[in-house]
Amino acid sequence: MSTYVYMRVLESAPHRYDLGIRLLSLGHIDELYRDVAEAAAAGAVAPKVLEIGCGTGNLTQALADRGALVTAIDWNPDMLEQARKKLASVGSQVEIKEMAAVEIADRFPAQAFDAVASTLTFSEMSPEEQRYVLEAAGKVLRDGGRLVIGDEVRPRRWWQRCWHALVRWPLAVLTYIVTQTTTNAVADLPELVGSTGFQVLSE
């Protein structure tokens, strides 16, 4: 299922974002947040995690629940407002910043984080932005740090791509009519990640 073509519409009404994503993912979105948070924290004690594109703070909460010290960034102030409300009880364990993903290498010191995590964000970027942000993530990660991404990817097999396009195109058209923009499944994500200096451990 292609959840991500809906995101621009839902971002225009941040207070409905969580419900919309949960419905569109048939309830599986919480599993994604859990899996990404567990992989990013990876059993470490109070790991420092940079979250790219925190939205309303769902992954942020999952990371905090696992003891991470989270720096959560997003460019959308309305989404961040929802995140701050949701995370009001977390305290100093989470720092929320209004910032675009392409700024991270300029705004954070080298090797400042144990992990970089992201959900539903890279499919919102152009291929040039994806590469730039991945390279920037490599700079702010400590040696041996982890990058964990949960996102929509383009299927590799031709018949899967055909099915994906058949399901996706009417949603993409509707999104464009409403928002004048759309999102794109990330092509060859493992190869892209590997080409920017990371070793792909699991997919």
Protein backbone atom coordinates (compact mmCIF):
# COMPACT_ATOMS: atom_id res chain seq x y z
CA MET A 1 0.00 0.00 0.00
CA SER A 2 1.28 3.45 -0.87
CA THR A 3 0.74 5.50 2.25
CA TYR A 4 3.02 8.36 1.39
CA VAL A 5 1.13 9.98 -1.49
CA TYR A 6 -1.38 11.09 1.12
CA MET A 7 1.11 12.85 3.28
CA ARG A 8 0.98 16.31 1.70
CA VAL A 9 -2.80 16.37 2.10
CA LEU A 10 -2.56 15.26 5.70
CA GLU A 11 0.20 17.74 6.48
CA SER A 12 -2.22 20.52 5.57
CA ALA A 13 -4.26 19.40 8.60
CA PRO A 14 -1.68 18.24 11.16
CA HIS A 15 -4.28 17.52 13.85
CA ARG A 16 -5.70 14.78 11.56
CA TYR A 17 -2.33 13.42 10.48
CA ASP A 18 -2.05 10.58 12.98
CA LEU A 19 -5.54 9.26 12.37
CA GLY A 20 -5.13 9.53 8.61
CA ILE A 21 -1.81 7.68 8.52
CA ARG A 22 -3.14 4.99 10.84
CA LEU A 23 -6.18 4.41 8.63
CA LEU A 24 -4.19 4.49 5.40
CA SER A 25 -1.65 2.00 6.72
CA LEU A 26 -4.42 -0.27 8.03
CA GLY A 27 -3.05 0.17 11.52
CA HIS A 28 0.50 -0.94 10.68
CA ILE A 29 2.17 2.45 11.10
CA ASP A 30 2.79 1.84 14.81
CA GLU A 31 4.79 -1.26 13.88
CA LEU A 32 6.99 0.88 11.65
CA TYR A 33 7.65 3.39 14.42
CA ARG A 34 8.43 0.56 16.84
CA ASP A 35 10.79 -1.25 14.48
CA VAL A 36 12.69 1.91 13.53
CA ALA A 37 12.99 3.00 17.17
CA GLU A 38 14.25 -0.40 18.28
CA ALA A 39 16.82 -0.54 15.49
CA ALA A 40 18.02 3.01 16.21
CA ALA A 41 18.29 2.50 19.98
CA ALA A 42 19.73 -0.99 19.48
CA GLY A 43 19.94 -1.79 23.17
CA ALA A 44 22.26 1.14 23.92
CA VAL A 45 21.98 3.16 27.13
CA ALA A 46 20.67 6.68 26.42
CA PRO A 47 21.84 6.83 22.79
CA LYS A 48 21.88 10.25 21.13
CA VAL A 49 19.52 10.06 18.15
CA LEU A 50 18.85 12.62 15.43
CA GLU A 51 15.37 12.19 13.98
CA ILE A 52 14.94 13.68 10.50
CA GLY A 53 11.36 14.73 9.71
CA CYS A 54 9.72 14.09 13.07
CA GLY A 55 6.24 15.23 11.98
CA THR A 56 3.83 15.00 14.90
CA GLY A 57 6.33 13.12 17.07
CA ASN A 58 5.29 9.49 16.86
CA LEU A 59 8.74 8.06 16.19
CA THR A 60 10.12 10.62 18.65
CA GLN A 61 7.92 9.16 21.37
CA ALA A 62 8.93 5.60 20.46
CA LEU A 63 12.61 6.57 20.66
CA ALA A 64 12.13 8.33 24.00
CA ASP A 65 10.29 5.28 25.35
CA ARG A 66 13.47 3.30 24.65
CA GLY A 67 15.64 5.71 26.58
CA ALA A 68 17.07 7.67 23.65
CA LEU A 69 18.07 11.31 23.90
CA VAL A 70 16.36 12.65 20.79
CA THR A 71 16.98 15.73 18.70
CA ALA A 72 13.90 15.85 16.47
CA ILE A 73 13.79 18.16 13.44
CA ASP A 74 11.13 19.11 10.93
CA TRP A 75 10.62 22.04 8.57
CA ASN A 76 6.84 22.30 9.17
CA PRO A 77 5.96 24.50 12.20
CA ASP A 78 2.37 23.23 12.33
CA MET A 79 3.54 19.62 12.59
CA LEU A 80 6.05 20.62 15.25
CA GLU A 81 3.29 22.26 17.26
CA GLN A 82 1.48 18.93 17.37
CA ALA A 83 4.72 17.17 18.31
CA ARG A 84 5.39 19.56 21.20
CA LYS A 85 1.90 18.96 22.59
CA LYS A 86 2.31 15.19 22.31
CA LEU A 87 5.76 15.20 23.89
CA ALA A 88 5.10 17.77 26.63
CA SER A 89 5.66 15.20 29.39
CA VAL A 90 8.97 13.90 28.02
CA GLY A 91 11.01 16.87 29.24
CA SER A 92 14.68 17.34 28.45
CA GLN A 93 14.97 13.89 26.89
CA VAL A 94 13.71 15.37 23.60
CA GLU A 95 14.78 18.57 21.86
CA ILE A 96 12.59 19.74 18.97
CA LYS A 97 14.00 22.05 16.32
CA GLU A 98 12.43 23.69 13.26
CA MET A 99 14.95 22.81 10.59
CA ALA A 100 15.15 21.35 7.10
CA ALA A 101 16.93 18.03 6.63
CA VAL A 102 19.47 19.60 4.29
CA GLU A 103 20.73 21.81 7.15
CA ILE A 104 21.92 19.08 9.48
CA ALA A 105 25.58 19.06 8.48
CA ASP A 106 25.75 22.83 9.03
CA ARG A 107 23.81 22.90 12.29
CA PHE A 108 25.29 19.93 14.17
CA PRO A 109 28.91 18.99 14.99
CA ALA A 110 30.57 16.06 13.29
CA GLN A 111 29.99 12.68 14.97
CA ALA A 112 27.42 14.17 17.35
CA PHE A 113 24.93 11.28 17.23
CA ASP A 114 24.87 7.55 17.86
CA ALA A 115 22.02 7.08 15.39
CA VAL A 116 20.04 8.93 12.74
CA ALA A 117 16.44 7.80 12.23
CA SER A 118 13.73 8.76 9.76
CA THR A 119 10.25 7.59 8.81
CA LEU A 120 8.17 8.72 5.84
CA THR A 121 10.62 11.48 4.93
CA PHE A 122 12.98 10.42 2.13
CA SER A 123 10.04 9.79 -0.21
CA GLU A 124 9.28 13.50 0.15
CA MET A 125 12.74 14.50 -1.16
CA SER A 126 14.15 14.84 -4.63
CA PRO A 127 16.93 12.38 -5.56
CA GLU A 128 19.48 15.16 -5.12
CA GLU A 129 18.14 15.96 -1.64
CA GLN A 130 18.15 12.27 -0.69
CA ARG A 131 21.84 11.92 -1.55
CA TYR A 132 22.77 15.19 0.12
CA VAL A 133 20.93 14.32 3.34
CA LEU A 134 22.42 10.83 3.44
CA GLU A 135 25.91 12.26 3.07
CA ALA A 136 25.14 14.83 5.78
CA ALA A 137 23.84 12.06 8.06
CA GLY A 138 27.15 10.27 7.64
CA LYS A 139 28.97 13.38 8.85
CA VAL A 140 26.94 13.83 12.04
CA LEU A 141 27.05 10.12 12.96
CA ARG A 142 29.83 8.81 15.17
CA ASP A 143 32.05 6.06 13.81
CA GLY A 144 29.98 2.88 13.88
CA GLY A 145 26.73 4.84 14.24
CA ARG A 146 23.48 3.64 12.70
CA LEU A 147 21.19 5.09 10.06
CA VAL A 148 17.65 3.66 10.20
CA ILE A 149 15.09 4.57 7.51
CA GLY A 150 11.45 3.49 7.25
CA ASP A 151 9.90 4.71 4.00
CA GLU A 152 8.18 3.90 0.73
CA VAL A 153 10.47 2.29 -1.83
CA ARG A 154 9.94 1.44 -5.47
CA PRO A 155 9.53 -2.33 -5.93
CA ARG A 156 12.36 -4.07 -7.76
CA ARG A 157 10.40 -6.66 -9.76
CA TRP A 158 8.57 -5.40 -12.85
CA TRP A 159 5.23 -6.95 -11.90
CA GLN A 160 5.42 -5.41 -8.42
CA ARG A 161 6.17 -2.02 -9.98
CA CYS A 162 3.15 -2.38 -12.27
CA TRP A 163 0.86 -3.21 -9.36
CA HIS A 164 2.33 -0.43 -7.29
CA ALA A 165 1.76 2.10 -10.09
CA LEU A 166 -1.80 0.86 -10.66
CA VAL A 167 -2.70 1.36 -7.01
CA ARG A 168 -0.73 4.55 -6.60
CA TRP A 169 -1.51 6.70 -9.64
CA PRO A 170 -5.10 7.73 -8.74
CA LEU A 171 -3.91 8.68 -5.26
CA ALA A 172 -1.03 10.68 -6.71
CA VAL A 173 -3.42 12.50 -9.06
CA LEU A 174 -5.79 13.34 -6.20
CA THR A 175 -2.90 14.57 -4.08
CA TYR A 176 -1.65 16.79 -6.89
CA ILE A 177 -5.12 18.29 -7.46
CA VAL A 178 -5.41 19.17 -3.79
CA THR A 179 -1.84 20.25 -3.06
CA GLN A 180 -0.10 20.83 -6.43
CA THR A 181 2.61 18.42 -5.33
CA THR A 182 3.11 14.73 -4.70
CA THR A 183 5.68 12.29 -3.34
CA ASN A 184 7.75 9.60 -5.04
CA ALA A 185 8.74 6.15 -3.89
CA VAL A 186 12.49 6.00 -3.31
CA ALA A 187 14.26 4.11 -6.10
CA ASP A 188 17.04 1.68 -5.20
CA LEU A 189 17.28 2.87 -1.59
CA PRO A 190 19.83 0.24 -0.41
CA GLU A 191 22.09 1.07 -3.34
CA LEU A 192 21.72 4.80 -2.67
CA VAL A 193 22.53 4.36 1.01
CA GLY A 194 25.51 2.17 0.21
CA SER A 195 26.86 4.66 -2.32
CA THR A 196 26.98 7.40 0.32
CA GLY A 197 29.36 5.57 2.62
CA PHE A 198 27.08 3.30 4.65
CA GLN A 199 27.21 -0.46 5.00
CA VAL A 200 23.69 -1.89 4.58
CA LEU A 201 23.11 -4.29 7.48
CA SER A 202 19.47 -5.17 6.87
CA GLU A 203 16.65 -4.29 4.53
